[in-house]
């Protein structure tokens, strides 16, 4: 089989976990190369510690299976509040678009109808406006290309120094370029002015690194990373939600990193900023949905092959490629496709999630 989907939502005690073993033991060897295994679980019941223990056990099971299954296969767990809302998530996890997403636990809430269904399923973002920060190159450019390929009108935002690259990309995609320092105090106002019809998708991708061990890190290296990677995201998100620039049914996707989840030597500034993104998402998501009809999620890339990683010394680069269950580096398009799933109009039930795009890195949870 190209994919196996196991319904374990009814598992409520340790004895029932034997059914998980019984169901997958006979078939796991036969899953096709680069195939998919998706386990469906239920939310943990705060009133039933036996159910909570059994359902939590599914996380350890799926993550362990992901690390042993090999052959480019992925294993993920989807916790369902309502099966009717699982469509976009299952379509993503069972598709080639999720090739570098494994060992993840994704919670899917109740159905959300704040975004109208797309008129053309093959172009789910047709008629919608998406803004991508840090979009002139690398992951940001891949995200812009992917969203445009799904029908979005893309605003390519990058610093003035990258304006020419941003303009060339925007012209190729049929979008517009916006040269702007995202850390500027009036960045939110200037973005709002550039999209008079509002935004349907806001992608916070801009980021910098200024690596150095803490004992050798001057204050400027600390503050510049925190300002670009975290403070600017907080400021512009607050401004754009407060002004109503992000339309109802909109999607906000920020870029975290496994460095923020697992830590990384020489990156206390970067790790702090990216962990802060996770905290922002988890706190803001329920309020943004309730008050504005907007979902807030994050992607957390692992080792992605970009110009930045190409400059890393060969030994470290090879280690980065191999330190995950798939034993290879990811591509910018892997992050872009995950971002596009979270931006999809049908993904309104996915909210407050931080999804690692790391091939199931052997570091961190």
Protein backbone atom coordinates (compact mmCIF):
# COMPACT_ATOMS: atom_id res chain seq x y z
CA UNK A 1 0.00 0.00 0.00
CA UNK A 2 1.07 3.58 -0.67
CA UNK A 3 -0.55 4.59 2.61
CA UNK A 4 -2.03 3.13 5.77
CA UNK A 5 -4.50 5.06 7.92
CA UNK A 6 -5.26 3.61 11.33
CA UNK A 7 -8.25 4.81 13.33
CA UNK A 8 -7.12 4.72 16.98
CA UNK A 9 -9.59 7.33 18.23
CA UNK A 10 -11.36 4.67 20.28
CA UNK A 11 -8.26 3.60 22.21
CA UNK A 12 -9.10 4.27 25.87
CA UNK A 13 -6.85 1.98 27.89
CA UNK A 14 -3.61 0.02 27.76
CA UNK A 15 -5.31 -3.17 26.61
CA UNK A 16 -6.70 -1.37 23.55
CA UNK A 17 -3.17 -0.41 22.52
CA UNK A 18 -2.69 -4.07 21.58
CA UNK A 19 -5.10 -3.43 18.72
CA UNK A 20 -2.70 -0.81 17.35
CA UNK A 21 0.06 -3.39 17.30
CA UNK A 22 -2.24 -6.01 15.80
CA UNK A 23 -3.35 -3.70 13.02
CA UNK A 24 0.04 -2.39 11.92
CA UNK A 25 2.35 -5.34 12.67
CA UNK A 26 1.25 -7.39 9.62
CA UNK A 27 1.41 -4.50 7.11
CA UNK A 28 4.22 -2.19 8.15
CA UNK A 29 6.85 -4.07 6.13
CA UNK A 30 4.74 -3.86 2.99
CA UNK A 31 4.21 -0.09 2.93
CA UNK A 32 5.59 1.20 -0.36
CA UNK A 33 8.83 3.17 -0.50
CA UNK A 34 8.08 6.81 0.37
CA UNK A 35 4.70 5.66 1.63
CA UNK A 36 2.63 7.18 4.41
CA UNK A 37 1.36 5.93 7.76
CA UNK A 38 -1.18 8.14 9.54
CA UNK A 39 -2.58 7.26 12.94
CA UNK A 40 -5.81 8.97 13.99
CA UNK A 41 -6.07 9.70 17.70
CA UNK A 42 -8.44 11.51 20.04
CA UNK A 43 -7.88 14.47 22.37
CA UNK A 44 -6.67 13.53 25.84
CA UNK A 45 -9.56 13.23 28.29
CA UNK A 46 -8.77 15.28 31.39
CA UNK A 47 -11.39 13.28 33.33
CA UNK A 48 -10.06 9.84 32.39
CA UNK A 49 -6.38 9.27 33.08
CA UNK A 50 -6.50 5.79 31.54
CA UNK A 51 -7.68 7.23 28.23
CA UNK A 52 -5.16 10.07 28.48
CA UNK A 53 -2.33 7.63 29.10
CA UNK A 54 -3.33 5.40 26.20
CA UNK A 55 -3.76 8.29 23.79
CA UNK A 56 -0.47 9.86 24.87
CA UNK A 57 1.15 6.49 24.23
CA UNK A 58 0.21 6.89 20.58
CA UNK A 59 2.65 9.82 20.34
CA UNK A 60 5.57 7.71 21.49
CA UNK A 61 4.43 4.93 19.20
CA UNK A 62 4.17 7.02 16.04
CA UNK A 63 7.42 8.89 16.65
CA UNK A 64 9.27 5.64 17.30
CA UNK A 65 7.79 3.97 14.24
CA UNK A 66 8.81 6.99 12.18
CA UNK A 67 12.41 6.52 13.26
CA UNK A 68 12.54 2.84 12.33
CA UNK A 69 10.35 2.49 9.25
CA UNK A 70 12.93 3.83 6.74
CA UNK A 71 12.63 3.95 2.96
CA UNK A 72 11.49 7.55 2.83
CA UNK A 73 8.25 6.60 4.59
CA UNK A 74 6.65 9.02 7.03
CA UNK A 75 4.54 8.42 10.14
CA UNK A 76 2.32 11.06 11.74
CA UNK A 77 -0.43 11.27 14.35
CA UNK A 78 -3.55 13.38 13.87
CA UNK A 79 -5.67 14.12 16.92
CA UNK A 80 -9.28 14.67 15.90
CA UNK A 81 -11.96 16.62 17.70
CA UNK A 82 -14.28 16.13 14.75
CA UNK A 83 -13.48 13.78 11.87
CA UNK A 84 -15.44 16.01 9.49
CA UNK A 85 -12.69 18.64 9.74
CA UNK A 86 -9.79 16.31 8.88
CA UNK A 87 -9.99 16.55 5.09
CA UNK A 88 -7.25 19.05 4.27
CA UNK A 89 -4.88 17.60 6.87
CA UNK A 90 -5.24 14.03 5.62
CA UNK A 91 -4.91 15.15 2.01
CA UNK A 92 -1.64 16.88 2.90
CA UNK A 93 -0.16 14.09 5.02
CA UNK A 94 -1.02 11.43 2.44
CA UNK A 95 0.39 13.43 -0.47
CA UNK A 96 3.93 13.96 -1.82
CA UNK A 97 3.73 17.51 -0.41
CA UNK A 98 4.42 16.13 3.08
CA UNK A 99 7.62 14.30 2.11
CA UNK A 100 9.74 16.01 4.80
CA UNK A 101 7.08 15.98 7.55
CA UNK A 102 7.29 12.97 9.85
CA UNK A 103 6.92 12.19 13.54
CA UNK A 104 4.44 15.04 13.97
CA UNK A 105 1.39 15.29 16.19
CA UNK A 106 -1.22 17.57 14.64
CA UNK A 107 -4.39 18.56 16.43
CA UNK A 108 -7.45 19.20 14.31
CA UNK A 109 -10.24 21.12 16.02
CA UNK A 110 -13.91 21.42 15.17
CA UNK A 111 -14.93 22.42 11.62
CA UNK A 112 -14.51 26.10 10.82
CA UNK A 113 -16.45 27.85 8.08
CA UNK A 114 -14.90 31.32 8.37
CA UNK A 115 -13.27 30.94 4.94
CA UNK A 116 -15.42 30.29 1.89
CA UNK A 117 -14.52 27.13 -0.03
CA UNK A 118 -12.46 27.74 -3.17
CA UNK A 119 -14.30 28.03 -6.45
CA UNK A 120 -11.65 25.88 -8.16
CA UNK A 121 -10.18 23.10 -5.98
CA UNK A 122 -7.04 22.98 -8.13
CA UNK A 123 -6.49 26.69 -7.37
CA UNK A 124 -7.57 26.92 -3.72
CA UNK A 125 -6.11 30.42 -3.22
CA UNK A 126 -7.61 31.98 -6.34
CA UNK A 127 -8.96 35.45 -5.56
CA UNK A 128 -6.98 35.62 -2.31
CA UNK A 129 -4.09 37.93 -1.47
CA UNK A 130 -1.01 36.58 0.28
CA UNK A 131 1.95 38.52 1.67
CA UNK A 132 5.26 36.77 2.33
CA UNK A 133 8.04 38.51 4.27
CA UNK A 134 11.66 37.77 3.47
CA UNK A 135 10.44 36.51 0.11
CA UNK A 136 13.20 37.56 -2.29
CA UNK A 137 15.13 34.31 -1.96
CA UNK A 138 15.38 30.93 -0.25
CA UNK A 139 12.42 29.57 1.66
CA UNK A 140 10.47 32.80 1.29
CA UNK A 141 10.75 32.71 -2.50
CA UNK A 142 9.64 29.06 -2.54
CA UNK A 143 6.62 29.95 -0.38
CA UNK A 144 5.69 32.84 -2.70
CA UNK A 145 5.99 30.59 -5.76
CA UNK A 146 3.90 27.85 -4.18
CA UNK A 147 1.11 30.20 -3.09
CA UNK A 148 1.07 31.86 -6.51
CA UNK A 149 0.89 28.42 -8.10
CA UNK A 150 -2.26 27.81 -6.08
CA UNK A 151 -3.83 30.98 -7.42
CA UNK A 152 -2.91 33.64 -4.84
CA UNK A 153 -1.97 37.18 -5.72
CA UNK A 154 1.34 37.42 -3.90
CA UNK A 155 2.97 40.46 -2.34
CA UNK A 156 6.72 39.82 -2.16
CA UNK A 157 8.12 41.73 0.81
CA UNK A 158 11.81 42.07 1.54
CA UNK A 159 14.33 44.64 2.75
CA UNK A 160 15.22 47.55 0.43
CA UNK A 161 18.63 45.98 -0.23
CA UNK A 162 16.87 43.02 -1.89
CA UNK A 163 14.35 45.12 -3.81
CA UNK A 164 15.57 44.11 -7.28
CA UNK A 165 15.37 40.41 -6.48
CA UNK A 166 11.94 40.91 -4.95
CA UNK A 167 10.72 42.79 -8.02
CA UNK A 168 11.98 40.14 -10.42
CA UNK A 169 10.24 37.40 -8.45
CA UNK A 170 7.01 39.39 -8.16
CA UNK A 171 6.95 40.08 -11.89
CA UNK A 172 7.46 36.41 -12.67
CA UNK A 173 4.62 35.44 -10.33
CA UNK A 174 2.27 38.18 -11.48
CA UNK A 175 2.35 39.78 -8.04
CA UNK A 176 3.76 42.94 -6.53
CA UNK A 177 6.90 43.76 -4.58
CA UNK A 178 7.11 45.75 -1.37
CA UNK A 179 10.51 47.00 -0.23
CA UNK A 180 10.25 47.40 3.52
CA UNK A 181 12.29 46.89 6.67
CA UNK A 182 9.95 44.68 8.67
CA UNK A 183 11.42 46.02 11.92
CA UNK A 184 10.26 49.58 11.16
CA UNK A 185 7.78 50.95 13.69
CA UNK A 186 5.27 51.71 10.92
CA UNK A 187 5.70 48.41 9.04
CA UNK A 188 2.16 47.30 9.84
CA UNK A 189 0.68 50.57 8.58
CA UNK A 190 2.70 50.42 5.37
CA UNK A 191 1.66 46.84 4.70
CA UNK A 192 -1.99 47.75 5.26
CA UNK A 193 -1.66 50.64 2.81
CA UNK A 194 -0.14 48.32 0.19
CA UNK A 195 -3.09 45.89 0.30
CA UNK A 196 -6.25 48.04 0.25
CA UNK A 197 -8.43 44.94 -0.14
CA UNK A 198 -6.85 43.31 2.89
CA UNK A 199 -4.85 40.12 3.29
CA UNK A 200 -6.13 36.57 3.25
CA UNK A 201 -2.75 34.98 3.96
CA UNK A 202 0.08 36.48 6.01
CA UNK A 203 3.36 34.56 6.03
CA UNK A 204 6.02 35.69 8.52
CA UNK A 205 9.18 34.25 6.98
CA UNK A 206 11.79 37.02 7.36
CA UNK A 207 14.63 36.00 9.65
CA UNK A 208 18.32 36.48 10.35
CA UNK A 209 21.08 34.68 12.23
CA UNK A 210 23.95 36.24 14.15
CA UNK A 211 25.55 33.15 15.65
CA UNK A 212 27.98 33.28 18.52
CA UNK A 213 28.22 31.62 21.90
CA UNK A 214 26.57 33.64 24.65
CA UNK A 215 29.86 34.42 26.41
CA UNK A 216 31.08 36.08 23.20
CA UNK A 217 27.83 37.63 22.02
CA UNK A 218 27.56 41.43 22.15
CA UNK A 219 24.18 43.01 22.84
CA UNK A 220 23.76 44.12 19.22
CA UNK A 221 23.91 40.54 17.94
CA UNK A 222 21.26 39.56 20.46
CA UNK A 223 18.89 42.45 19.86
CA UNK A 224 19.08 42.40 16.04
CA UNK A 225 18.02 38.75 15.88
CA UNK A 226 15.24 39.15 18.43
CA UNK A 227 13.95 42.26 16.66
CA UNK A 228 13.76 40.73 13.19
CA UNK A 229 12.70 37.20 14.10
CA UNK A 230 10.25 37.85 16.92
CA UNK A 231 9.50 41.46 17.85
CA UNK A 232 8.66 42.45 14.27
CA UNK A 233 6.29 39.48 13.99
CA UNK A 234 4.51 40.50 17.17
CA UNK A 235 4.25 44.17 16.14
CA UNK A 236 3.03 43.62 12.60
CA UNK A 237 0.61 40.86 13.56
CA UNK A 238 -0.94 43.05 16.25
CA UNK A 239 -1.17 45.98 13.85
CA UNK A 240 -2.68 44.01 10.97
CA UNK A 241 -5.22 42.22 13.14
CA UNK A 242 -6.08 45.42 14.98
CA UNK A 243 -6.69 47.33 11.74
CA UNK A 244 -8.73 44.53 10.23
CA UNK A 245 -6.24 44.14 7.40
CA UNK A 246 -6.24 40.35 7.77
CA UNK A 247 -9.63 39.38 6.40
CA UNK A 248 -12.01 37.07 8.20
CA UNK A 249 -11.19 33.51 7.17
CA UNK A 250 -7.54 34.54 6.88
CA UNK A 251 -4.47 32.52 7.68
CA UNK A 252 -1.33 33.61 9.53
CA UNK A 253 1.68 31.30 9.31
CA UNK A 254 4.95 32.16 11.06
CA UNK A 255 8.33 30.51 10.70
CA UNK A 256 9.80 28.93 13.82
CA UNK A 257 12.73 26.47 13.78
CA UNK A 258 13.82 23.25 15.42
CA UNK A 259 16.59 25.41 16.92
CA UNK A 260 13.86 26.99 19.01
CA UNK A 261 12.42 23.63 20.04
CA UNK A 262 15.61 21.67 20.71
CA UNK A 263 18.21 24.43 21.15
CA UNK A 264 21.47 24.79 19.27
CA UNK A 265 24.95 25.74 20.48
CA UNK A 266 25.94 29.22 19.38
CA UNK A 267 22.34 30.21 18.73
CA UNK A 268 20.91 31.39 22.05
CA UNK A 269 19.57 34.49 20.29
CA UNK A 270 18.13 32.60 17.33
CA UNK A 271 16.76 29.79 19.50
CA UNK A 272 15.07 32.29 21.80
CA UNK A 273 13.48 34.12 18.89
CA UNK A 274 12.14 30.96 17.27
CA UNK A 275 10.84 29.50 20.54
CA UNK A 276 9.09 32.83 21.01
CA UNK A 277 7.27 32.25 17.72
CA UNK A 278 5.89 29.00 19.12
CA UNK A 279 4.66 30.81 22.22
CA UNK A 280 3.06 33.53 20.10
CA UNK A 281 1.20 30.98 18.00
CA UNK A 282 -0.13 28.95 20.90
CA UNK A 283 -1.33 32.00 22.83
CA UNK A 284 -2.76 34.05 19.97
CA UNK A 285 -4.41 31.26 17.97
CA UNK A 286 -7.61 30.77 20.01
CA UNK A 287 -8.19 34.52 20.43
CA UNK A 288 -7.46 35.33 16.78
CA UNK A 289 -9.95 32.69 15.66
CA UNK A 290 -12.64 33.77 18.12
CA UNK A 291 -12.26 37.52 17.56
CA UNK A 292 -11.16 37.78 13.92
CA UNK A 293 -11.93 34.42 12.30
CA UNK A 294 -8.21 34.00 11.56
CA UNK A 295 -6.06 30.94 12.23
CA UNK A 296 -2.47 31.21 13.48
CA UNK A 297 0.07 28.41 12.97
CA UNK A 298 3.81 27.96 12.48
CA UNK A 299 6.20 25.80 10.53
CA UNK A 300 9.50 24.82 12.15
CA UNK A 301 12.07 23.90 9.50
CA UNK A 302 14.99 21.62 10.22
CA UNK A 303 18.01 21.30 7.92
CA UNK A 304 16.86 22.88 4.66
CA UNK A 305 19.17 23.13 1.66
CA UNK A 306 19.53 26.87 0.99
CA UNK A 307 22.31 29.27 0.12
CA UNK A 308 22.74 29.87 3.84
CA UNK A 309 23.28 26.19 4.65
CA UNK A 310 25.54 25.81 1.59
CA UNK A 311 27.99 28.12 3.36
CA UNK A 312 28.14 25.82 6.41
CA UNK A 313 31.35 23.73 6.69
CA UNK A 314 31.00 20.39 4.89
CA UNK A 315 31.23 18.17 7.99
CA UNK A 316 28.53 20.12 9.82
CA UNK A 317 26.40 20.24 6.69
CA UNK A 318 26.57 16.47 6.24
CA UNK A 319 25.70 15.94 9.90
CA UNK A 320 22.69 18.21 9.50
CA UNK A 321 21.52 16.21 6.52
CA UNK A 322 21.81 12.86 8.27
CA UNK A 323 20.49 13.75 11.74
CA UNK A 324 16.89 12.91 10.95
CA UNK A 325 14.81 9.83 10.26
CA UNK A 326 14.90 10.37 6.50
CA UNK A 327 18.71 10.86 6.52
CA UNK A 328 18.63 13.76 4.07
CA UNK A 329 18.23 17.50 3.96
CA UNK A 330 14.96 19.13 3.08
CA UNK A 331 14.26 21.61 0.30
CA UNK A 332 12.65 25.06 0.49
CA UNK A 333 9.66 23.64 -1.36
CA UNK A 334 9.04 21.22 1.53
CA UNK A 335 8.54 24.17 3.86
CA UNK A 336 6.52 25.98 1.20
CA UNK A 337 4.09 23.12 0.69
CA UNK A 338 3.54 22.75 4.42
CA UNK A 339 2.89 26.48 4.63
CA UNK A 340 0.43 26.23 1.75
CA UNK A 341 -1.50 23.50 3.57
CA UNK A 342 -1.84 25.74 6.63
CA UNK A 343 -2.89 28.61 4.34
CA UNK A 344 -5.56 26.55 2.58
CA UNK A 345 -9.16 27.74 2.99
CA UNK A 346 -10.12 24.23 4.14
CA UNK A 347 -7.53 24.21 6.94
CA UNK A 348 -9.54 26.35 9.34
CA UNK A 349 -9.74 23.51 11.87
CA UNK A 350 -5.93 23.51 12.18
CA UNK A 351 -5.06 26.28 14.64
CA UNK A 352 -2.31 26.90 17.17
CA UNK A 353 -0.05 24.21 15.70
CA UNK A 354 3.74 24.26 15.32
CA UNK A 355 4.55 21.72 12.61
CA UNK A 356 8.18 20.65 12.18
CA UNK A 357 9.40 20.26 8.61
CA UNK A 358 12.58 18.42 9.47
CA UNK A 359 12.39 14.82 8.31
CA UNK A 360 11.79 13.96 11.96
CA UNK A 361 14.98 15.44 13.33
CA UNK A 362 16.70 13.24 15.87
CA UNK A 363 17.06 16.34 18.06
CA UNK A 364 14.13 17.64 20.07
CA UNK A 365 10.65 16.20 20.46
